[in-house]
Amino acid sequence: MVAEYAIDAAIADGRRAFYTAPVKALSNQKYHDLVARLGPQRVGLLTGDNSINGDADVVVMTTEVLRNMI
């Protein structure tokens, strides 16, 4: 609930948002939830196996991917 509010606030301010989950299964589930709510052009997914629309407004990823980006 808090994460979705933060995502909405970031989008409203013209910023990007990153949602992290500890495992790929949870990342995939959240990606599909957000795509249903925001549309496929606004949501991306980055896991060890998938790279979909990484430049999207909202990017869902595993914590491992985020750690490697930092």
Foldseek 3Di string as FASTA:
>chain_A
DVLVVVLVVQVVVVAAEEAEDADPVVLVVVQVVVCVVPNQQQEWEDEPVDGGNVVHSYYYYYVVVVVVVD
